[in-house]
Amino acid sequence: MATAWPPGLDELRRELRRVDGADTTDDQLLTDAVDAAVAFVVRIHGTRYNLDGLSVGLPDPPADLRLGTVYLARRLHSRRSSPDGVINLGELGSSRIPSFDPDIDRMLRIGRYRGPVIA
């Protein structure tokens, strides 16, 4: 996997196991999800990491931040199927989807995994 920031469509397609380049049906939706995830991470961590490639003195984004961004994009894309937060499981009924994912929060250092903030 490439380590350059930001992650792109190809990484999300691999995550979703859509490696067949002939099927480009959802590419615009996937691109929108990746763009939204990247924009979120830049908004949260833009002053901590060299996310624009121009910020001298800032460290490059770590691998877990990059993977967390791809996971967030996957979640945003799959969330389209359940806008009300409920998913149909067929014979098993329906289930509520939590509004957060602790693994993504941990990788992106958001929510309760964010470091202390001094105002």
N, C-alpha and C. Protein backbone atom coordinates (compact mmCIF):
# COMPACT_ATOMS: atom_id res chain seq x y z
N MET A 1 0.85 -1.18 0.00
CA MET A 1 0.00 0.00 0.00
C MET A 1 0.89 1.24 0.00
N ALA A 2 0.48 2.23 -0.74
CA ALA A 2 1.23 3.48 -0.79
C ALA A 2 1.13 4.19 0.55
N THR A 3 2.17 4.98 0.85
CA THR A 3 2.16 5.69 2.13
C THR A 3 1.94 7.17 1.96
N ALA A 4 1.80 7.65 0.73
CA ALA A 4 1.59 9.07 0.51
C ALA A 4 0.19 9.47 0.99
N TRP A 5 0.12 10.68 1.50
CA TRP A 5 -1.16 11.21 1.95
C TRP A 5 -1.76 12.00 0.80
N PRO A 6 -3.02 11.99 0.55
CA PRO A 6 -4.09 11.29 1.24
C PRO A 6 -4.37 9.93 0.62
N PRO A 7 -5.07 9.07 1.36
CA PRO A 7 -5.51 7.81 0.75
C PRO A 7 -6.50 8.13 -0.37
N GLY A 8 -6.59 7.24 -1.33
CA GLY A 8 -7.45 7.50 -2.48
C GLY A 8 -8.46 6.42 -2.76
N LEU A 9 -9.08 6.54 -3.90
CA LEU A 9 -10.13 5.63 -4.33
C LEU A 9 -9.64 4.18 -4.38
N ASP A 10 -8.43 3.97 -4.88
CA ASP A 10 -7.92 2.60 -5.00
C ASP A 10 -7.83 1.90 -3.64
N GLU A 11 -7.43 2.63 -2.62
CA GLU A 11 -7.35 2.02 -1.29
C GLU A 11 -8.72 1.66 -0.74
N LEU A 12 -9.70 2.52 -0.97
CA LEU A 12 -11.05 2.21 -0.51
C LEU A 12 -11.61 1.04 -1.30
N ARG A 13 -11.33 0.99 -2.59
CA ARG A 13 -11.80 -0.15 -3.39
C ARG A 13 -11.19 -1.45 -2.89
N ARG A 14 -9.91 -1.43 -2.53
CA ARG A 14 -9.27 -2.63 -1.96
C ARG A 14 -9.91 -3.01 -0.64
N GLU A 15 -10.20 -2.02 0.19
CA GLU A 15 -10.83 -2.28 1.49
C GLU A 15 -12.19 -2.93 1.32
N LEU A 16 -12.91 -2.52 0.30
CA LEU A 16 -14.24 -3.07 0.02
C LEU A 16 -14.17 -4.33 -0.84
N ARG A 17 -12.97 -4.76 -1.16
CA ARG A 17 -12.73 -5.94 -2.01
C ARG A 17 -13.35 -5.77 -3.41
N ARG A 18 -13.23 -4.58 -3.92
CA ARG A 18 -13.69 -4.28 -5.28
C ARG A 18 -12.48 -3.99 -6.14
N VAL A 19 -11.65 -4.98 -6.30
CA VAL A 19 -10.39 -4.79 -7.01
C VAL A 19 -10.53 -4.93 -8.52
N ASP A 20 -11.69 -5.37 -8.99
CA ASP A 20 -11.92 -5.49 -10.43
C ASP A 20 -12.07 -4.09 -11.01
N GLY A 21 -11.08 -3.65 -11.75
CA GLY A 21 -11.11 -2.31 -12.31
C GLY A 21 -12.20 -2.08 -13.34
N ALA A 22 -12.81 -3.15 -13.83
CA ALA A 22 -13.86 -3.02 -14.85
C ALA A 22 -15.16 -2.49 -14.24
N ASP A 23 -15.39 -2.76 -12.96
CA ASP A 23 -16.62 -2.31 -12.31
C ASP A 23 -16.40 -0.95 -11.67
N THR A 24 -16.81 0.09 -12.37
CA THR A 24 -16.65 1.45 -11.87
C THR A 24 -17.99 2.08 -11.50
N THR A 25 -18.98 1.25 -11.25
CA THR A 25 -20.34 1.73 -11.00
C THR A 25 -20.41 2.73 -9.85
N ASP A 26 -19.77 2.40 -8.73
CA ASP A 26 -19.87 3.25 -7.54
C ASP A 26 -18.68 4.16 -7.34
N ASP A 27 -17.84 4.31 -8.34
CA ASP A 27 -16.61 5.07 -8.15
C ASP A 27 -16.85 6.51 -7.70
N GLN A 28 -17.88 7.16 -8.20
CA GLN A 28 -18.14 8.54 -7.77
C GLN A 28 -18.57 8.58 -6.31
N LEU A 29 -19.42 7.63 -5.90
CA LEU A 29 -19.83 7.56 -4.50
C LEU A 29 -18.66 7.24 -3.59
N LEU A 30 -17.79 6.33 -4.03
CA LEU A 30 -16.60 5.99 -3.24
C LEU A 30 -15.65 7.17 -3.15
N THR A 31 -15.48 7.88 -4.24
CA THR A 31 -14.62 9.07 -4.24
C THR A 31 -15.17 10.12 -3.29
N ASP A 32 -16.48 10.31 -3.29
CA ASP A 32 -17.10 11.27 -2.36
C ASP A 32 -16.84 10.87 -0.91
N ALA A 33 -16.91 9.57 -0.61
CA ALA A 33 -16.67 9.09 0.75
C ALA A 33 -15.22 9.31 1.15
N VAL A 34 -14.28 9.02 0.25
CA VAL A 34 -12.86 9.23 0.55
C VAL A 34 -12.59 10.72 0.75
N ASP A 35 -13.13 11.55 -0.12
CA ASP A 35 -12.92 13.00 0.00
C ASP A 35 -13.46 13.53 1.32
N ALA A 36 -14.62 13.05 1.74
CA ALA A 36 -15.21 13.50 3.00
C ALA A 36 -14.37 13.04 4.19
N ALA A 37 -13.89 11.81 4.15
CA ALA A 37 -13.06 11.29 5.24
C ALA A 37 -11.74 12.06 5.33
N VAL A 38 -11.13 12.31 4.19
CA VAL A 38 -9.87 13.06 4.17
C VAL A 38 -10.10 14.48 4.69
N ALA A 39 -11.17 15.13 4.26
CA ALA A 39 -11.48 16.49 4.73
C ALA A 39 -11.67 16.51 6.24
N PHE A 40 -12.33 15.50 6.79
CA PHE A 40 -12.53 15.42 8.23
C PHE A 40 -11.20 15.31 8.95
N VAL A 41 -10.34 14.41 8.48
CA VAL A 41 -9.04 14.20 9.13
C VAL A 41 -8.18 15.46 9.03
N VAL A 42 -8.20 16.12 7.89
CA VAL A 42 -7.43 17.36 7.73
C VAL A 42 -7.96 18.43 8.69
N ARG A 43 -9.27 18.51 8.84
CA ARG A 43 -9.85 19.50 9.76
C ARG A 43 -9.43 19.22 11.20
N ILE A 44 -9.37 17.96 11.59
CA ILE A 44 -9.03 17.60 12.96
C ILE A 44 -7.52 17.64 13.21
N HIS A 45 -6.73 17.15 12.26
CA HIS A 45 -5.29 16.96 12.49
C HIS A 45 -4.40 17.79 11.56
N GLY A 46 -4.95 18.76 10.89
CA GLY A 46 -4.17 19.54 9.92
C GLY A 46 -3.01 20.30 10.52
N THR A 47 -3.07 20.61 11.82
CA THR A 47 -1.97 21.34 12.46
C THR A 47 -1.01 20.41 13.19
N ARG A 48 -1.30 19.11 13.22
CA ARG A 48 -0.43 18.15 13.92
C ARG A 48 0.48 17.38 12.99
N TYR A 49 0.01 17.19 11.74
CA TYR A 49 0.76 16.36 10.79
C TYR A 49 0.90 17.09 9.46
N ASN A 50 1.87 16.69 8.69
CA ASN A 50 2.12 17.26 7.37
C ASN A 50 1.15 16.63 6.37
N LEU A 51 -0.07 17.09 6.39
CA LEU A 51 -1.11 16.52 5.53
C LEU A 51 -1.19 17.18 4.17
N ASP A 52 -0.59 18.35 4.03
CA ASP A 52 -0.62 19.04 2.74
C ASP A 52 0.68 18.87 1.96
N GLY A 53 1.67 18.21 2.57
CA GLY A 53 2.96 18.01 1.91
C GLY A 53 3.83 19.24 1.90
N LEU A 54 3.34 20.33 2.49
CA LEU A 54 4.09 21.59 2.48
C LEU A 54 4.49 22.07 3.87
N SER A 55 3.93 21.46 4.89
CA SER A 55 4.14 21.91 6.26
C SER A 55 5.49 21.41 6.77
N VAL A 56 6.48 22.28 6.73
CA VAL A 56 7.83 21.94 7.18
C VAL A 56 7.83 21.86 8.70
N GLY A 57 8.47 20.84 9.23
CA GLY A 57 8.58 20.71 10.67
C GLY A 57 7.52 19.83 11.30
N LEU A 58 6.48 19.48 10.56
CA LEU A 58 5.45 18.60 11.09
C LEU A 58 5.73 17.17 10.62
N PRO A 59 5.45 16.18 11.48
CA PRO A 59 5.68 14.79 11.06
C PRO A 59 4.67 14.34 10.00
N ASP A 60 5.07 13.37 9.21
CA ASP A 60 4.14 12.77 8.25
C ASP A 60 3.06 12.01 9.02
N PRO A 61 1.88 11.86 8.43
CA PRO A 61 0.82 11.14 9.14
C PRO A 61 1.21 9.68 9.37
N PRO A 62 0.94 9.16 10.56
CA PRO A 62 1.28 7.77 10.84
C PRO A 62 0.36 6.81 10.09
N ALA A 63 0.76 5.56 10.03
CA ALA A 63 0.01 4.54 9.29
C ALA A 63 -1.39 4.35 9.85
N ASP A 64 -1.55 4.44 11.17
CA ASP A 64 -2.88 4.22 11.73
C ASP A 64 -3.83 5.37 11.40
N LEU A 65 -3.32 6.58 11.24
CA LEU A 65 -4.17 7.70 10.83
C LEU A 65 -4.65 7.49 9.39
N ARG A 66 -3.75 7.01 8.56
CA ARG A 66 -4.09 6.73 7.16
C ARG A 66 -5.13 5.61 7.06
N LEU A 67 -4.90 4.51 7.78
CA LEU A 67 -5.84 3.39 7.75
C LEU A 67 -7.18 3.79 8.37
N GLY A 68 -7.14 4.57 9.44
CA GLY A 68 -8.38 5.07 10.05
C GLY A 68 -9.18 5.91 9.08
N THR A 69 -8.50 6.67 8.23
CA THR A 69 -9.18 7.48 7.22
C THR A 69 -9.87 6.59 6.19
N VAL A 70 -9.21 5.52 5.78
CA VAL A 70 -9.82 4.57 4.84
C VAL A 70 -11.03 3.89 5.49
N TYR A 71 -10.89 3.50 6.75
CA TYR A 71 -12.01 2.87 7.47
C TYR A 71 -13.18 3.84 7.61
N LEU A 72 -12.87 5.10 7.89
CA LEU A 72 -13.93 6.10 7.99
C LEU A 72 -14.63 6.26 6.65
N ALA A 73 -13.88 6.26 5.55
CA ALA A 73 -14.48 6.36 4.22
C ALA A 73 -15.39 5.15 3.96
N ARG A 74 -14.93 3.96 4.36
CA ARG A 74 -15.77 2.76 4.20
C ARG A 74 -17.06 2.90 4.99
N ARG A 75 -16.95 3.40 6.21
CA ARG A 75 -18.13 3.58 7.05
C ARG A 75 -19.09 4.61 6.45
N LEU A 76 -18.55 5.70 5.95
CA LEU A 76 -19.40 6.72 5.33
C LEU A 76 -20.11 6.16 4.10
N HIS A 77 -19.40 5.35 3.32
CA HIS A 77 -20.02 4.76 2.14
C HIS A 77 -21.11 3.77 2.52
N SER A 78 -20.84 2.91 3.48
CA SER A 78 -21.84 1.91 3.88
C SER A 78 -23.01 2.56 4.62
N ARG A 79 -22.78 3.70 5.21
CA ARG A 79 -23.84 4.40 5.95
C ARG A 79 -24.98 4.86 5.03
N ARG A 80 -24.68 4.99 3.74
CA ARG A 80 -25.72 5.38 2.78
C ARG A 80 -26.89 4.40 2.79
N SER A 81 -26.61 3.12 3.11
CA SER A 81 -27.65 2.09 3.11
C SER A 81 -28.52 2.15 4.36
N SER A 82 -28.11 2.92 5.35
CA SER A 82 -28.88 2.99 6.59
C SER A 82 -28.90 4.41 7.14
N PRO A 83 -29.55 5.33 6.44
CA PRO A 83 -29.53 6.72 6.89
C PRO A 83 -30.18 6.94 8.25
N ASP A 84 -31.08 6.05 8.65
CA ASP A 84 -31.72 6.21 9.95
C ASP A 84 -31.02 5.44 11.06
N GLY A 85 -29.88 4.80 10.74
CA GLY A 85 -29.10 4.10 11.75
C GLY A 85 -29.61 2.70 12.07
N VAL A 86 -30.47 2.15 11.21
CA VAL A 86 -31.00 0.80 11.42
C VAL A 86 -30.75 0.00 10.15
N ILE A 87 -30.32 -1.25 10.33
CA ILE A 87 -30.07 -2.11 9.18
C ILE A 87 -30.96 -3.34 9.27
N ASN A 88 -31.49 -3.76 8.15
CA ASN A 88 -32.36 -4.92 8.09
C ASN A 88 -31.51 -6.18 7.97
N LEU A 89 -31.75 -7.14 8.86
CA LEU A 89 -30.99 -8.38 8.86
C LEU A 89 -31.83 -9.57 8.40
N GLY A 90 -32.85 -9.31 7.62
CA GLY A 90 -33.68 -10.39 7.09
C GLY A 90 -34.48 -11.08 8.17
N GLU A 91 -34.33 -12.40 8.27
CA GLU A 91 -35.08 -13.19 9.25
C GLU A 91 -34.76 -12.82 10.69
N LEU A 92 -33.60 -12.26 10.90
CA LEU A 92 -33.19 -11.91 12.26
C LEU A 92 -33.77 -10.58 12.73
N GLY A 93 -34.45 -9.87 11.86
CA GLY A 93 -35.04 -8.59 12.22
C GLY A 93 -34.14 -7.44 11.84
N SER A 94 -34.16 -6.40 12.63
CA SER A 94 -33.33 -5.24 12.34
C SER A 94 -32.43 -4.96 13.54
N SER A 95 -31.39 -4.20 13.27
CA SER A 95 -30.42 -3.89 14.31
C SER A 95 -30.01 -2.44 14.19
N ARG A 96 -29.76 -1.83 15.31
CA ARG A 96 -29.30 -0.45 15.34
C ARG A 96 -27.79 -0.42 15.11
N ILE A 97 -27.35 0.52 14.30
CA ILE A 97 -25.93 0.69 14.03
C ILE A 97 -25.43 1.81 14.94
N PRO A 98 -24.39 1.56 15.73
CA PRO A 98 -23.89 2.62 16.61
C PRO A 98 -23.37 3.80 15.80
N SER A 99 -23.45 4.97 16.36
CA SER A 99 -23.04 6.18 15.63
C SER A 99 -21.54 6.38 15.66
N PHE A 100 -20.81 5.53 16.34
CA PHE A 100 -19.36 5.65 16.38
C PHE A 100 -18.73 4.26 16.29
N ASP A 101 -17.48 4.22 15.95
CA ASP A 101 -16.73 2.98 15.88
C ASP A 101 -15.46 3.19 16.70
N PRO A 102 -15.31 2.48 17.81
CA PRO A 102 -14.15 2.73 18.67
C PRO A 102 -12.81 2.50 17.97
N ASP A 103 -12.75 1.57 17.03
CA ASP A 103 -11.48 1.35 16.31
C ASP A 103 -11.11 2.56 15.47
N ILE A 104 -12.09 3.11 14.78
CA ILE A 104 -11.83 4.30 13.96
C ILE A 104 -11.47 5.47 14.87
N ASP A 105 -12.21 5.64 15.96
CA ASP A 105 -11.91 6.72 16.91
C ASP A 105 -10.49 6.61 17.44
N ARG A 106 -10.07 5.40 17.75
CA ARG A 106 -8.72 5.18 18.28
C ARG A 106 -7.67 5.52 17.23
N MET A 107 -7.86 5.05 15.99
CA MET A 107 -6.88 5.32 14.94
C MET A 107 -6.80 6.79 14.58
N LEU A 108 -7.95 7.46 14.59
CA LEU A 108 -7.97 8.88 14.22
C LEU A 108 -7.76 9.80 15.42
N ARG A 109 -7.67 9.21 16.61
CA ARG A 109 -7.48 9.99 17.84
C ARG A 109 -8.57 11.04 18.01
N ILE A 110 -9.81 10.57 17.94
CA ILE A 110 -10.96 11.45 18.14
C ILE A 110 -11.83 10.88 19.25
N GLY A 111 -12.86 11.62 19.63
CA GLY A 111 -13.75 11.14 20.68
C GLY A 111 -13.00 10.98 21.99
N ARG A 112 -13.25 9.89 22.67
CA ARG A 112 -12.60 9.69 23.97
C ARG A 112 -11.12 9.34 23.84
N TYR A 113 -10.66 9.09 22.62
CA TYR A 113 -9.24 8.76 22.42
C TYR A 113 -8.40 9.99 22.05
N ARG A 114 -9.02 11.14 22.04
CA ARG A 114 -8.30 12.37 21.78
C ARG A 114 -7.50 12.75 23.01
N GLY A 115 -6.34 13.27 22.81
CA GLY A 115 -5.51 13.68 23.93
C GLY A 115 -6.13 14.86 24.67
N PRO A 116 -5.58 15.19 25.82
CA PRO A 116 -6.11 16.32 26.58
C PRO A 116 -5.95 17.63 25.81
N VAL A 117 -6.93 18.49 25.97
CA VAL A 117 -6.91 19.80 25.30
C VAL A 117 -6.84 20.87 26.38
N ILE A 118 -5.87 21.73 26.23
CA ILE A 118 -5.72 22.83 27.19
C ILE A 118 -6.13 24.11 26.49
N ALA A 119 -7.12 24.78 27.04
CA ALA A 119 -7.62 25.99 26.40
C ALA A 119 -7.02 27.22 27.01
